Amino acid sequence: MFASVAIAAALTLSACGGNSDMAAEVTEEASVGTIVDVAIGAGNFSTLVAAVTAADLVETLSGTGPFTVFAPTDDAFAALPAGVLDALLLPENKAVLAQILTYHVVSGMVMAADVKDGDVATVEGQNVKLSTMGGVTVNGAKVIAADVMASNGVIHAIDAVILPPGVDVAKLLKK
């Protein structure tokens, strides 16, 4: 089951250094619908929404769940090396894009306060490393807003796009 993808919004988690203005906006949206609906309404996940659409994961992320999504913000996607995002959005790279997005999703609903240090299996099939030292991180990406509720799970906004082991986005640029 391809579960959800990295989609997110943001709710304050003081231990993660969340943005309270963003949290207030997202809290209102979270009561409205699915992870996809919340991401669309948040306004700072347009790149993620475009990626989820390109990977044909909208229906999955709108499914019953529950899912925990570590969702990169638009700024996180913008930090990828030049050309990588454009390459990922090409139809011939749909499988790689889906792999990357599902690597940001964990089955079940995990609130930030319940995060324990250690490895957790993703929907993609490989593990991510969670840490609570100095705030919650996933593979080193910092959770900048947490516990954004949706009807089918919870979103934690992160400040970087995380890549599954074995995915070399530089190869996409050499095609």
Protein backbone atom coordinates (compact mmCIF):
# COMPACT_ATOMS: atom_id res chain seq x y z
CA MET A 1 0.00 0.00 0.00
CA PHE A 2 1.62 3.19 -1.15
CA ALA A 3 0.20 5.02 1.84
CA SER A 4 0.65 8.70 2.10
CA VAL A 5 3.33 10.90 0.88
CA ALA A 6 5.21 13.73 2.23
CA ILE A 7 2.65 16.34 2.57
CA ALA A 8 2.46 18.74 5.33
CA ALA A 9 1.52 21.80 7.07
CA ALA A 10 2.69 23.12 10.34
CA LEU A 11 1.68 23.25 13.94
CA THR A 12 3.84 24.51 16.74
CA LEU A 13 5.89 22.13 18.75
CA SER A 14 8.00 24.19 21.05
CA ALA A 15 10.61 21.48 21.38
CA CYS A 16 11.01 21.59 17.61
CA GLY A 17 11.15 25.35 17.35
CA GLY A 18 7.88 25.56 15.41
CA ASN A 19 6.41 28.77 14.04
CA SER A 20 3.27 29.74 15.97
CA ASP A 21 1.81 31.84 13.14
CA MET A 22 2.11 28.91 10.77
CA ALA A 23 0.64 26.64 13.43
CA ALA A 24 -2.47 28.77 13.81
CA GLU A 25 -3.09 28.74 10.05
CA VAL A 26 -2.57 25.01 9.80
CA THR A 27 -4.69 24.19 12.82
CA GLU A 28 -7.70 25.74 11.10
CA GLU A 29 -7.03 23.76 7.91
CA ALA A 30 -6.36 20.47 9.69
CA SER A 31 -9.96 20.07 10.82
CA VAL A 32 -11.15 20.33 7.22
CA GLY A 33 -9.88 17.23 5.50
CA THR A 34 -7.23 14.77 4.47
CA ILE A 35 -3.47 15.16 4.48
CA VAL A 36 -3.69 16.38 0.88
CA ASP A 37 -6.41 18.91 1.74
CA VAL A 38 -4.36 20.24 4.66
CA ALA A 39 -1.23 20.53 2.51
CA ILE A 40 -3.10 22.43 -0.18
CA GLY A 41 -4.66 24.77 2.37
CA ALA A 42 -1.42 25.47 4.21
CA GLY A 43 0.11 27.42 1.34
CA ASN A 44 3.75 26.45 1.94
CA PHE A 45 3.56 22.95 0.48
CA SER A 46 2.74 23.72 -3.15
CA THR A 47 5.87 21.89 -4.36
CA LEU A 48 4.97 18.83 -2.29
CA VAL A 49 1.42 18.88 -3.65
CA ALA A 50 2.79 19.12 -7.22
CA ALA A 51 5.14 16.20 -6.51
CA VAL A 52 2.38 14.07 -4.99
CA THR A 53 0.24 14.79 -8.04
CA ALA A 54 3.08 13.95 -10.47
CA ALA A 55 3.69 10.67 -8.62
CA ASP A 56 -0.03 9.75 -8.69
CA LEU A 57 -0.16 9.59 -4.91
CA VAL A 58 -3.05 12.00 -4.26
CA GLU A 59 -5.60 9.21 -3.96
CA THR A 60 -3.34 7.23 -1.63
CA LEU A 61 -2.71 10.22 0.63
CA SER A 62 -6.41 10.93 0.68
CA GLY A 63 -7.10 7.34 1.81
CA THR A 64 -8.18 6.24 5.25
CA GLY A 65 -4.74 5.94 6.83
CA PRO A 66 -3.75 6.73 9.43
CA PHE A 67 -0.42 8.06 8.20
CA THR A 68 2.36 10.12 9.70
CA VAL A 69 3.90 12.34 7.05
CA PHE A 70 7.23 14.12 7.41
CA ALA A 71 6.46 16.81 4.86
CA PRO A 72 9.16 18.95 3.26
CA THR A 73 8.21 22.61 2.88
CA ASP A 74 8.57 24.55 -0.36
CA ASP A 75 11.87 25.91 1.02
CA ALA A 76 13.08 22.33 1.59
CA PHE A 77 12.40 21.44 -2.04
CA ALA A 78 14.05 24.68 -3.19
CA ALA A 79 17.23 23.61 -1.38
CA LEU A 80 17.68 20.58 -3.64
CA PRO A 81 20.53 20.91 -6.14
CA ALA A 82 19.63 22.91 -9.27
CA GLY A 83 17.64 20.89 -11.78
CA VAL A 84 16.82 17.98 -9.46
CA LEU A 85 13.22 18.96 -8.74
CA ASP A 86 12.49 19.57 -12.43
CA ALA A 87 13.99 16.17 -13.26
CA LEU A 88 11.96 14.43 -10.54
CA LEU A 89 8.73 15.89 -11.90
CA LEU A 90 9.31 14.41 -15.38
CA PRO A 91 7.02 11.46 -16.23
CA GLU A 92 9.97 9.14 -16.80
CA ASN A 93 11.07 9.67 -13.18
CA LYS A 94 7.66 9.00 -11.62
CA ALA A 95 8.83 5.80 -9.87
CA VAL A 96 11.84 7.53 -8.26
CA LEU A 97 9.64 10.45 -7.18
CA ALA A 98 7.11 8.06 -5.63
CA GLN A 99 9.94 6.24 -3.83
CA ILE A 100 11.25 9.52 -2.38
CA LEU A 101 7.80 10.72 -1.33
CA THR A 102 6.77 7.44 0.32
CA TYR A 103 10.08 7.49 2.21
CA HIS A 104 8.62 10.49 4.07
CA VAL A 105 5.58 8.48 5.27
CA VAL A 106 5.14 6.15 8.22
CA SER A 107 2.07 3.97 8.77
CA GLY A 108 0.04 4.88 11.83
CA MET A 109 -0.30 8.16 13.66
CA VAL A 110 2.73 9.27 15.67
CA MET A 111 2.48 12.54 17.55
CA ALA A 112 5.72 14.44 18.13
CA ALA A 113 5.57 13.89 21.89
CA ASP A 114 5.49 10.12 21.26
CA VAL A 115 8.57 10.03 19.01
CA LYS A 116 11.31 7.77 20.34
CA ASP A 117 14.91 7.73 19.16
CA GLY A 118 15.61 4.97 16.68
CA ASP A 119 14.81 3.53 13.28
CA VAL A 120 11.26 3.41 11.96
CA ALA A 121 10.00 1.66 8.82
CA THR A 122 8.57 3.92 6.11
CA VAL A 123 5.84 3.14 3.61
CA GLU A 124 8.61 3.06 0.99
CA GLY A 125 10.05 0.02 2.79
CA GLN A 126 13.29 1.34 4.23
CA ASN A 127 13.92 2.89 7.65
CA VAL A 128 14.35 6.50 8.70
CA LYS A 129 16.24 7.48 11.84
CA LEU A 130 14.26 9.53 14.35
CA SER A 131 15.98 11.57 17.03
CA THR A 132 14.74 13.80 19.82
CA MET A 133 18.07 15.41 20.69
CA GLY A 134 17.56 19.18 20.44
CA GLY A 135 14.13 18.75 18.85
CA VAL A 136 12.66 16.06 16.65
CA THR A 137 14.60 15.16 13.52
CA VAL A 138 14.15 12.54 10.80
CA ASN A 139 17.39 11.52 9.07
CA GLY A 140 18.79 14.84 10.25
CA ALA A 141 15.96 16.96 8.81
CA LYS A 142 14.49 19.12 11.55
CA VAL A 143 10.78 19.06 12.32
CA ILE A 144 9.91 22.75 12.14
CA ALA A 145 6.20 22.34 12.83
CA ALA A 146 4.52 19.28 14.27
CA ASP A 147 1.26 17.55 15.09
CA VAL A 148 -0.81 19.01 12.26
CA MET A 149 -3.94 16.92 12.35
CA ALA A 150 -5.78 15.71 9.27
CA SER A 151 -8.73 13.36 8.98
CA ASN A 152 -6.42 10.52 7.95
CA GLY A 153 -3.28 11.17 9.97
CA VAL A 154 -0.77 13.70 11.20
CA ILE A 155 1.77 15.90 9.45
CA HIS A 156 5.16 17.08 10.69
CA ALA A 157 6.74 19.77 8.48
CA ILE A 158 10.47 19.27 7.91
CA ASP A 159 13.21 21.57 6.64
CA ALA A 160 14.79 19.18 4.09
CA VAL A 161 13.90 16.53 1.55
CA ILE A 162 15.20 13.17 2.76
CA LEU A 163 16.36 10.56 0.26
CA PRO A 164 16.10 6.80 0.62
CA PRO A 165 19.39 4.88 0.62
CA GLY A 166 20.27 3.95 -2.94
CA VAL A 167 18.60 6.96 -4.56
CA ASP A 168 21.13 9.20 -6.29
CA VAL A 169 19.33 12.27 -7.59
CA ALA A 170 22.51 13.40 -9.39
CA LYS A 171 21.94 10.53 -11.84
CA LEU A 172 18.66 12.15 -12.85
CA LEU A 173 20.57 15.15 -14.13
CA LYS A 174 22.82 13.01 -16.35
CA LYS A 175 19.99 11.52 -18.41
